[in-house]
N, C-alpha and C. Protein backbone atom coordinates (compact mmCIF):
# COMPACT_ATOMS: atom_id res chain seq x y z
N MET A 1 45.52 21.87 -6.38
CA MET A 1 45.04 20.90 -5.33
C MET A 1 43.57 21.00 -5.17
N ILE A 2 43.06 22.22 -5.15
CA ILE A 2 41.73 22.52 -4.77
C ILE A 2 40.80 22.10 -5.93
N GLY A 3 41.20 22.16 -7.22
CA GLY A 3 40.46 21.60 -8.38
C GLY A 3 40.32 20.17 -8.33
N SER A 4 41.29 19.30 -7.82
CA SER A 4 41.07 18.04 -7.78
C SER A 4 40.03 17.59 -6.54
N GLN A 5 40.09 18.42 -5.55
CA GLN A 5 39.27 18.07 -4.46
C GLN A 5 37.66 18.40 -4.84
N SER A 6 37.64 19.45 -5.68
CA SER A 6 36.28 19.84 -6.07
C SER A 6 35.63 18.82 -7.15
N GLY A 7 36.67 18.25 -8.04
CA GLY A 7 36.28 17.07 -8.80
C GLY A 7 35.82 15.90 -8.00
N ARG A 8 36.47 15.50 -6.96
CA ARG A 8 35.98 14.32 -6.21
C ARG A 8 34.71 14.67 -5.45
N ILE A 9 34.54 15.86 -5.20
CA ILE A 9 33.18 16.06 -4.39
C ILE A 9 32.03 16.21 -5.40
N SER A 10 32.28 16.43 -6.65
CA SER A 10 31.17 16.45 -7.72
C SER A 10 31.05 15.04 -8.24
N ALA A 11 32.03 14.07 -7.96
CA ALA A 11 31.87 12.80 -8.30
C ALA A 11 31.19 11.81 -7.25
N ASP A 12 31.49 12.45 -5.91
CA ASP A 12 30.83 11.64 -4.86
C ASP A 12 29.45 11.59 -4.80
N LEU A 13 28.62 12.80 -5.28
CA LEU A 13 27.19 12.77 -5.18
C LEU A 13 26.57 11.70 -6.13
N PRO A 14 27.06 11.60 -7.39
CA PRO A 14 26.35 10.52 -8.23
C PRO A 14 26.57 9.24 -7.66
N ILE A 15 27.76 8.88 -7.11
CA ILE A 15 28.04 7.56 -6.41
C ILE A 15 27.16 7.49 -5.37
N LYS A 16 27.04 8.36 -4.55
CA LYS A 16 26.06 8.14 -3.34
C LYS A 16 24.68 7.92 -3.69
N LEU A 17 24.31 8.61 -4.60
CA LEU A 17 22.86 8.40 -5.14
C LEU A 17 22.71 7.19 -5.79
N THR A 18 23.67 6.63 -6.35
CA THR A 18 23.55 5.31 -6.97
C THR A 18 23.53 4.28 -5.90
N LEU A 19 24.35 4.42 -4.97
CA LEU A 19 24.29 3.47 -3.89
C LEU A 19 22.91 3.57 -3.18
N TYR A 20 22.31 4.79 -3.05
CA TYR A 20 21.04 4.90 -2.44
C TYR A 20 20.09 4.05 -3.27
N GLY A 21 20.18 4.23 -4.62
CA GLY A 21 19.26 3.52 -5.45
C GLY A 21 19.42 1.92 -5.40
N VAL A 22 20.66 1.41 -5.23
CA VAL A 22 20.79 0.04 -5.13
C VAL A 22 20.16 -0.49 -3.85
N ARG A 23 20.44 0.25 -2.83
CA ARG A 23 20.05 -0.10 -1.45
C ARG A 23 18.40 -0.03 -1.37
N SER A 24 17.98 0.99 -1.88
CA SER A 24 16.54 1.01 -1.92
C SER A 24 15.68 -0.14 -2.64
N SER A 25 16.42 -0.29 -3.77
CA SER A 25 15.75 -1.50 -4.43
C SER A 25 15.91 -2.94 -3.74
N LEU A 26 16.96 -3.17 -3.08
CA LEU A 26 17.25 -4.31 -2.25
C LEU A 26 16.52 -4.41 -1.12
N ASP A 27 16.30 -3.20 -0.53
CA ASP A 27 15.44 -3.14 0.79
C ASP A 27 13.97 -3.46 0.46
N THR A 28 13.30 -3.08 -0.65
CA THR A 28 12.16 -3.42 -1.18
C THR A 28 11.88 -4.68 -1.21
N ILE A 29 13.03 -5.48 -1.82
CA ILE A 29 12.82 -6.97 -1.88
C ILE A 29 12.94 -7.52 -0.57
N ILE A 30 13.94 -7.43 0.16
CA ILE A 30 14.25 -7.88 1.59
C ILE A 30 13.15 -7.74 2.47
N GLU A 31 12.52 -6.53 2.57
CA GLU A 31 11.48 -6.23 3.35
C GLU A 31 10.18 -6.99 2.98
N GLY A 32 9.97 -7.65 1.85
CA GLY A 32 8.83 -8.39 1.38
C GLY A 32 7.80 -7.43 0.96
N ARG A 33 7.96 -6.27 0.40
CA ARG A 33 7.17 -5.39 -0.08
C ARG A 33 6.69 -5.50 -1.55
N CYS A 34 7.09 -6.63 -2.23
CA CYS A 34 6.74 -6.94 -3.57
C CYS A 34 5.49 -7.82 -3.57
N ARG A 35 4.78 -7.65 -4.55
CA ARG A 35 3.47 -8.26 -4.51
C ARG A 35 3.59 -9.76 -5.26
N ASP A 36 4.47 -9.67 -6.32
CA ASP A 36 4.52 -10.79 -7.05
C ASP A 36 5.93 -11.02 -7.59
N GLU A 37 6.24 -11.98 -8.44
CA GLU A 37 7.52 -12.43 -9.04
C GLU A 37 8.09 -11.25 -9.92
N ALA A 38 7.04 -10.67 -10.80
CA ALA A 38 7.33 -9.68 -11.85
C ALA A 38 7.77 -8.47 -11.09
N GLU A 39 7.21 -8.09 -9.95
CA GLU A 39 7.59 -6.88 -9.18
C GLU A 39 9.14 -7.05 -8.66
N ILE A 40 9.38 -8.55 -8.07
CA ILE A 40 10.82 -8.70 -7.73
C ILE A 40 11.75 -8.51 -8.76
N GLN A 41 11.44 -9.01 -9.90
CA GLN A 41 12.34 -8.99 -11.16
C GLN A 41 12.55 -7.47 -11.50
N HIS A 42 11.44 -6.55 -11.34
CA HIS A 42 11.64 -5.32 -11.62
C HIS A 42 12.67 -4.60 -10.69
N TRP A 43 12.57 -4.80 -9.38
CA TRP A 43 13.44 -4.24 -8.38
C TRP A 43 14.84 -4.77 -8.46
N VAL A 44 14.93 -6.15 -8.87
CA VAL A 44 16.40 -6.61 -9.12
C VAL A 44 17.01 -6.04 -10.34
N ARG A 45 16.10 -5.89 -11.27
CA ARG A 45 16.78 -5.06 -12.65
C ARG A 45 17.20 -3.72 -12.25
N LEU A 46 16.29 -3.04 -11.63
CA LEU A 46 16.79 -1.76 -11.15
C LEU A 46 18.17 -1.79 -10.39
N ALA A 47 18.31 -2.66 -9.43
CA ALA A 47 19.53 -2.64 -8.57
C ALA A 47 20.58 -3.08 -9.67
N TYR A 48 20.48 -3.81 -10.57
CA TYR A 48 21.43 -4.37 -11.52
C TYR A 48 21.94 -3.24 -12.29
N GLU A 49 21.02 -2.27 -12.81
CA GLU A 49 21.27 -1.25 -13.63
C GLU A 49 22.04 -0.15 -12.79
N GLN A 50 21.82 -0.14 -11.55
CA GLN A 50 22.34 1.03 -10.75
C GLN A 50 23.89 0.52 -10.51
N THR A 51 23.87 -0.75 -10.32
CA THR A 51 25.36 -1.44 -9.98
C THR A 51 26.22 -0.96 -11.40
N LEU A 52 25.61 -1.05 -12.55
CA LEU A 52 26.35 -0.60 -13.87
C LEU A 52 26.82 0.77 -13.71
N ARG A 53 25.79 1.72 -13.32
CA ARG A 53 26.10 3.04 -13.22
C ARG A 53 27.16 3.33 -12.34
N LEU A 54 27.21 2.59 -11.08
CA LEU A 54 28.25 2.89 -10.20
C LEU A 54 29.59 2.49 -10.83
N GLU A 55 29.67 1.43 -11.39
CA GLU A 55 30.77 0.80 -12.19
C GLU A 55 31.33 2.04 -12.93
N LEU A 56 30.54 2.64 -13.83
CA LEU A 56 30.97 3.54 -14.80
C LEU A 56 31.50 4.88 -13.98
N ALA A 57 30.77 5.18 -12.87
CA ALA A 57 31.00 6.42 -12.14
C ALA A 57 32.50 6.28 -11.61
N LEU A 58 32.74 5.04 -11.00
CA LEU A 58 34.09 4.72 -10.61
C LEU A 58 35.22 4.71 -11.48
N ASP A 59 34.78 4.09 -12.69
CA ASP A 59 35.77 4.10 -13.74
C ASP A 59 36.05 5.42 -14.20
N SER A 60 35.17 6.40 -14.29
CA SER A 60 35.44 7.81 -14.86
C SER A 60 36.22 8.57 -13.81
N MET A 61 36.14 8.15 -12.45
CA MET A 61 37.10 8.88 -11.31
C MET A 61 38.44 8.38 -11.71
N GLU A 62 38.77 7.22 -12.19
CA GLU A 62 40.14 6.71 -12.29
C GLU A 62 40.60 7.23 -13.65
N MET A 63 39.91 7.91 -14.62
CA MET A 63 40.53 8.22 -15.85
C MET A 63 41.29 9.42 -15.75
N LYS A 64 42.29 9.81 -16.49
CA LYS A 64 43.27 10.78 -16.42
C LYS A 64 42.33 12.10 -16.95
N PRO A 65 42.66 13.32 -16.35
CA PRO A 65 41.94 14.45 -16.69
C PRO A 65 41.90 14.74 -18.17
N GLN A 66 42.91 14.35 -19.07
CA GLN A 66 42.79 14.59 -20.48
C GLN A 66 41.93 13.71 -21.23
N GLU A 67 41.87 12.39 -20.63
CA GLU A 67 40.98 11.43 -21.19
C GLU A 67 39.45 11.89 -20.85
N HIS A 68 39.21 12.43 -19.75
CA HIS A 68 37.85 12.73 -19.20
C HIS A 68 37.36 13.85 -20.03
N SER A 69 38.08 14.81 -20.70
CA SER A 69 37.45 15.92 -21.45
C SER A 69 36.68 15.58 -22.56
N GLY A 70 36.94 14.42 -23.09
CA GLY A 70 36.21 14.00 -24.46
C GLY A 70 34.76 13.36 -24.00
N SER A 71 34.18 12.77 -25.01
CA SER A 71 32.83 12.37 -24.62
C SER A 71 33.08 10.88 -23.96
N ASN A 72 31.99 10.42 -23.31
CA ASN A 72 32.24 9.01 -22.58
C ASN A 72 31.58 7.89 -23.56
N PRO A 73 32.34 7.09 -24.06
CA PRO A 73 31.60 6.08 -24.79
C PRO A 73 30.84 5.07 -23.95
N HIS A 74 30.99 5.09 -22.91
CA HIS A 74 30.34 4.09 -21.88
C HIS A 74 29.18 4.72 -20.98
N VAL A 75 28.52 5.70 -21.61
CA VAL A 75 27.29 6.19 -20.99
C VAL A 75 26.26 5.21 -20.94
N PHE A 76 25.77 4.82 -19.89
CA PHE A 76 24.58 3.95 -19.61
C PHE A 76 23.39 4.64 -20.05
N ARG A 77 22.61 3.94 -20.72
CA ARG A 77 21.25 4.39 -21.13
C ARG A 77 20.14 3.55 -20.59
N GLU A 78 19.01 4.19 -20.19
CA GLU A 78 18.00 3.28 -19.57
C GLU A 78 17.43 2.39 -20.69
N PRO A 79 17.17 1.12 -20.42
CA PRO A 79 16.46 0.40 -21.50
C PRO A 79 14.93 0.75 -21.55
N GLU A 80 14.52 0.76 -22.79
CA GLU A 80 13.14 1.23 -23.04
C GLU A 80 12.26 0.02 -22.93
N CYS A 81 11.01 0.28 -22.19
CA CYS A 81 10.08 -0.65 -21.84
C CYS A 81 9.22 -0.99 -23.07
């Protein structure tokens, strides 16, 4: 039982950090701190990418332990500029 609790705690941090990233991106837009349309698109893109990461993190929490031991084919990679 302790092992499953520590697994949940280690999964909670990436989820909370991802939510923070989404909120920060959206706060920047909502508060009007963007200088132009290109900057708005940048922050929207970041928020979208963070939601993809969050989806993957939540999916990985639902995986069975034996499935989780292998490599994850759904690893999100940053797009190159």
